[in-house]
Amino acid sequence: MFFVLTCNLNKTEIATLQKTAEKQSLPKKERILCAASDVFLAIGFEKTSTADIARLAKVSKRELYLHFSDKRALLAAVVDDLQSDMQRRMDSLWASGEAMEDVLLNSAKVIQRFILSERFGKLLRIVAAESYNTPNIAKQFFETGPNQGRKATARYLKEQMKQGRLRTADPQKAADDFLDLVVGAQLMTAVILGQIGPATPKPANTLHAVEVFLMIYGNDVPKRTLKDRPRSAR
């Protein structure tokens, strides 16, 4: 029987939690983490209890506490799981052997989709609210997410500078400029305030961001713009 807090949820939220409840083939720790993530995002951190999470994961509270010391430890694990997954996707893109322009464009698209995702937005707001009580959660969110992303971007750009594809500059500053163009303060503010709908980012936005970046840092900017590139490379 599905637990009582579903009376306060809409159909979409209930469906999400039910999908979690069906993942009983996963190891217990993964089931607990999956349940915690879905319940946190469905009803918020404060309204969630460890009993709710244990019930959804179909484990006892004792089993839950064998893996996680408390609810905040679960939130920290959820943050780490989300950020690690994104970092793996970005590492794969940075390591691709495609043309630099295509790598930058594809990376910009992935970053924007991630930032605009409902999951990221909700978790960001949960972490921001909880940071008053647990500053380490916010620090972890920043270090494993934005800061790691910045470093990985800088490493890729530094290599492109060595190869002569970008002009020589401070890789960290170049990474900051690239990420600011892709994300931007206006977009990030909308995400924090929960004013982003489930819309796919427009290709023109990421295209413009990459073109501006290459205008600033391109060592040998081709006469044709990214708009002229084959459709498969956009």
Protein backbone atom coordinates (compact mmCIF):
# COMPACT_ATOMS: atom_id res chain seq x y z
CA MET A 1 0.00 0.00 0.00
CA PHE A 2 1.38 3.39 -1.02
CA PHE A 3 2.09 5.67 1.92
CA VAL A 4 -0.17 8.38 3.24
CA LEU A 5 1.68 11.50 2.06
CA THR A 6 0.37 10.91 -1.48
CA CYS A 7 -2.87 12.58 -0.44
CA ASN A 8 -1.07 15.92 -0.76
CA LEU A 9 0.44 15.22 -4.18
CA ASN A 10 -0.79 15.72 -7.71
CA LYS A 11 -1.01 12.86 -10.22
CA THR A 12 2.41 13.58 -11.73
CA GLU A 13 4.13 13.55 -8.34
CA ILE A 14 2.37 10.33 -7.33
CA ALA A 15 3.43 8.68 -10.59
CA THR A 16 7.03 9.72 -9.96
CA LEU A 17 7.02 8.21 -6.49
CA GLN A 18 5.36 5.04 -7.69
CA LYS A 19 8.12 4.56 -10.26
CA THR A 20 10.60 4.75 -7.41
CA ALA A 21 8.65 2.21 -5.42
CA GLU A 22 8.86 -0.21 -8.34
CA LYS A 23 12.67 -0.17 -8.35
CA GLN A 24 12.90 -2.92 -5.77
CA SER A 25 15.58 -4.84 -7.66
CA LEU A 26 18.14 -2.16 -6.73
CA PRO A 27 20.48 -2.64 -3.74
CA LYS A 28 19.06 -1.20 -0.53
CA LYS A 29 21.36 1.84 -0.43
CA GLU A 30 20.44 2.79 -3.99
CA ARG A 31 16.73 2.28 -3.28
CA ILE A 32 16.99 4.56 -0.26
CA LEU A 33 18.83 7.23 -2.24
CA CYS A 34 16.37 7.00 -5.12
CA ALA A 35 13.40 7.25 -2.75
CA ALA A 36 14.93 10.20 -0.89
CA SER A 37 15.58 12.07 -4.11
CA ASP A 38 12.04 11.63 -5.42
CA VAL A 39 10.32 12.47 -2.12
CA PHE A 40 12.52 15.54 -1.53
CA LEU A 41 11.71 16.85 -5.00
CA ALA A 42 8.00 15.99 -4.73
CA ILE A 43 7.12 17.50 -1.33
CA GLY A 44 10.24 19.35 -0.20
CA PHE A 45 12.97 18.65 2.33
CA GLU A 46 11.19 19.93 5.45
CA LYS A 47 8.01 17.91 4.89
CA THR A 48 9.90 14.69 4.25
CA SER A 49 10.67 12.31 7.11
CA THR A 50 13.07 9.39 7.17
CA ALA A 51 10.05 7.20 7.84
CA ASP A 52 8.54 8.34 4.51
CA ILE A 53 11.77 7.51 2.70
CA ALA A 54 12.15 4.12 4.37
CA ARG A 55 8.53 3.24 3.56
CA LEU A 56 8.93 4.14 -0.11
CA ALA A 57 12.25 2.29 -0.39
CA LYS A 58 10.70 -0.70 1.40
CA VAL A 59 13.38 -0.87 4.04
CA SER A 60 13.23 -0.46 7.80
CA LYS A 61 14.36 2.77 9.45
CA ARG A 62 17.17 0.77 11.04
CA GLU A 63 18.39 -0.27 7.59
CA LEU A 64 18.16 3.34 6.40
CA TYR A 65 20.31 4.54 9.32
CA LEU A 66 22.92 1.88 8.58
CA HIS A 67 23.64 3.77 5.33
CA PHE A 68 22.76 7.40 6.19
CA SER A 69 23.08 9.07 9.58
CA ASP A 70 20.13 11.44 9.11
CA LYS A 71 17.97 13.29 6.60
CA ARG A 72 20.67 15.86 5.86
CA ALA A 73 23.14 13.11 5.03
CA LEU A 74 20.57 11.82 2.55
CA LEU A 75 20.25 15.28 0.99
CA ALA A 76 24.04 15.48 0.68
CA ALA A 77 24.04 12.11 -1.09
CA VAL A 78 21.28 13.22 -3.45
CA VAL A 79 23.27 16.36 -4.31
CA ASP A 80 26.41 14.30 -4.95
CA ASP A 81 24.51 11.84 -7.15
CA LEU A 82 23.01 14.58 -9.33
CA GLN A 83 26.25 16.50 -9.73
CA SER A 84 28.34 13.38 -10.36
CA ASP A 85 26.00 12.27 -13.13
CA MET A 86 26.24 15.67 -14.82
CA GLN A 87 30.01 15.71 -14.46
CA ARG A 88 30.32 12.31 -16.14
CA ARG A 89 28.28 13.57 -19.08
CA MET A 90 30.41 16.69 -19.38
CA ASP A 91 33.68 14.75 -19.09
CA SER A 92 32.54 12.62 -22.02
CA LEU A 93 31.86 15.72 -24.11
CA TRP A 94 35.16 17.40 -23.26
CA ALA A 95 37.02 14.20 -24.16
CA SER A 96 35.35 13.86 -27.54
CA GLY A 97 37.52 14.21 -30.62
CA GLU A 98 35.02 16.40 -32.47
CA ALA A 99 35.85 19.85 -33.79
CA MET A 100 36.22 22.43 -31.05
CA GLU A 101 33.23 24.46 -32.27
CA ASP A 102 31.01 21.38 -32.13
CA VAL A 103 32.25 20.39 -28.67
CA LEU A 104 31.54 23.87 -27.33
CA LEU A 105 28.08 23.96 -28.92
CA ASN A 106 27.12 20.48 -27.69
CA SER A 107 28.43 21.28 -24.22
CA ALA A 108 26.44 24.51 -24.11
CA LYS A 109 23.26 22.62 -25.01
CA VAL A 110 23.80 19.98 -22.31
CA ILE A 111 24.58 22.63 -19.67
CA GLN A 112 21.47 24.64 -20.50
CA ARG A 113 19.22 21.58 -20.49
CA PHE A 114 20.61 20.56 -17.11
CA ILE A 115 20.15 24.04 -15.61
CA LEU A 116 16.60 24.23 -16.97
CA SER A 117 15.62 20.76 -15.77
CA GLU A 118 12.96 20.54 -13.10
CA ARG A 119 15.15 18.24 -11.02
CA PHE A 120 18.07 20.67 -10.87
CA GLY A 121 15.83 23.66 -10.17
CA LYS A 122 14.01 22.00 -7.28
CA LEU A 123 17.19 20.66 -5.74
CA LEU A 124 18.88 24.05 -6.04
CA ARG A 125 16.00 25.70 -4.17
CA ILE A 126 16.02 22.99 -1.49
CA VAL A 127 19.76 23.45 -0.96
CA ALA A 128 19.42 27.25 -0.85
CA ALA A 129 16.71 27.03 1.82
CA GLU A 130 18.59 24.43 3.86
CA SER A 131 21.91 26.30 3.64
CA TYR A 132 20.88 28.46 6.62
CA ASN A 133 20.79 25.38 8.86
CA THR A 134 23.50 23.36 7.10
CA PRO A 135 26.04 25.58 5.29
CA ASN A 136 28.07 22.51 4.29
CA ILE A 137 25.25 21.38 1.99
CA ALA A 138 25.53 24.60 -0.03
CA LYS A 139 29.33 24.31 -0.08
CA GLN A 140 29.09 20.73 -1.34
CA PHE A 141 26.57 21.75 -4.01
CA PHE A 142 28.92 24.44 -5.27
CA GLU A 143 32.12 22.40 -5.10
CA THR A 144 30.75 19.25 -6.78
CA GLY A 145 28.72 21.21 -9.32
CA PRO A 146 29.60 24.71 -10.58
CA ASN A 147 33.19 24.69 -9.35
CA GLN A 148 34.00 21.24 -10.75
CA GLY A 149 32.34 22.24 -14.02
CA ARG A 150 34.40 25.40 -14.17
CA LYS A 151 37.65 23.48 -13.65
CA ALA A 152 36.77 20.87 -16.30
CA THR A 153 35.84 23.60 -18.79
CA ALA A 154 39.11 25.41 -18.08
CA ARG A 155 41.12 22.22 -18.70
CA TYR A 156 39.48 21.76 -22.09
CA LEU A 157 39.98 25.39 -23.09
CA LYS A 158 43.61 25.31 -21.94
CA GLU A 159 44.25 22.37 -24.26
CA GLN A 160 42.59 24.23 -27.15
CA MET A 161 44.89 27.19 -26.46
CA LYS A 162 47.91 24.88 -26.58
CA GLN A 163 46.69 23.54 -29.91
CA GLY A 164 46.43 27.09 -31.24
CA ARG A 165 42.66 26.95 -31.74
CA LEU A 166 42.05 29.65 -29.13
CA ARG A 167 44.19 32.67 -28.33
CA THR A 168 46.40 32.34 -25.25
CA ALA A 169 44.61 33.62 -22.17
CA ASP A 170 43.80 32.64 -18.59
CA PRO A 171 41.89 29.34 -18.98
CA GLN A 172 39.90 29.90 -15.79
CA LYS A 173 38.79 33.34 -16.94
CA ALA A 174 37.90 31.91 -20.35
CA ALA A 175 35.87 29.15 -18.66
CA ASP A 176 34.03 31.74 -16.55
CA ASP A 177 33.23 33.76 -19.68
CA PHE A 178 31.99 30.68 -21.54
CA LEU A 179 29.75 29.52 -18.69
CA ASP A 180 28.42 33.05 -18.09
CA LEU A 181 27.45 33.29 -21.75
CA VAL A 182 25.77 29.86 -21.70
CA VAL A 183 23.92 30.21 -18.40
CA GLY A 184 23.78 33.92 -17.61
CA ALA A 185 22.54 35.73 -14.52
CA GLN A 186 19.02 36.23 -15.88
CA LEU A 187 18.52 32.52 -16.55
CA MET A 188 20.00 31.50 -13.20
CA THR A 189 17.77 33.97 -11.35
CA ALA A 190 14.70 32.52 -13.06
CA VAL A 191 15.79 28.99 -12.05
CA ILE A 192 16.32 30.01 -8.42
CA LEU A 193 12.91 31.68 -8.29
CA GLY A 194 11.22 28.71 -9.95
CA GLN A 195 10.12 30.73 -12.96
CA ILE A 196 11.30 28.25 -15.61
CA GLY A 197 8.76 26.09 -17.41
CA PRO A 198 9.45 22.64 -18.88
CA ALA A 199 10.66 24.20 -22.14
CA THR A 200 13.61 22.97 -24.16
CA PRO A 201 16.28 25.70 -24.50
CA LYS A 202 16.21 27.38 -27.90
CA PRO A 203 19.16 26.39 -30.13
CA ALA A 204 19.64 30.05 -31.06
CA ASN A 205 20.56 30.87 -27.45
CA THR A 206 23.37 28.35 -27.21
CA LEU A 207 24.49 29.12 -30.74
CA HIS A 208 24.76 32.83 -29.92
CA ALA A 209 26.67 32.10 -26.71
CA VAL A 210 29.29 29.99 -28.51
CA GLU A 211 29.65 32.46 -31.39
CA VAL A 212 30.24 35.36 -28.97
CA PHE A 213 32.77 33.27 -27.04
CA LEU A 214 34.68 32.48 -30.24
CA MET A 215 34.63 36.15 -31.25
CA ILE A 216 36.44 36.90 -27.99
CA TYR A 217 38.79 33.94 -27.74
CA GLY A 218 38.99 32.49 -31.24
CA ASN A 219 42.57 32.49 -32.51
CA ASP A 220 41.61 32.00 -36.13
CA VAL A 221 37.89 32.64 -36.40
CA PRO A 222 36.63 31.08 -39.66
CA LYS A 223 34.84 33.32 -42.11
CA ARG A 224 31.71 31.21 -41.88
CA THR A 225 29.82 31.26 -38.61
CA LEU A 226 28.45 28.30 -36.70
CA LYS A 227 25.16 28.88 -38.49
CA ASP A 228 26.88 27.77 -41.68
CA ARG A 229 28.04 24.49 -40.17
CA PRO A 230 26.32 21.26 -41.25
CA ARG A 231 23.03 20.66 -39.40
CA SER A 232 24.43 17.46 -37.82
CA ALA A 233 27.05 19.54 -36.02
CA ARG A 234 24.57 21.90 -34.39
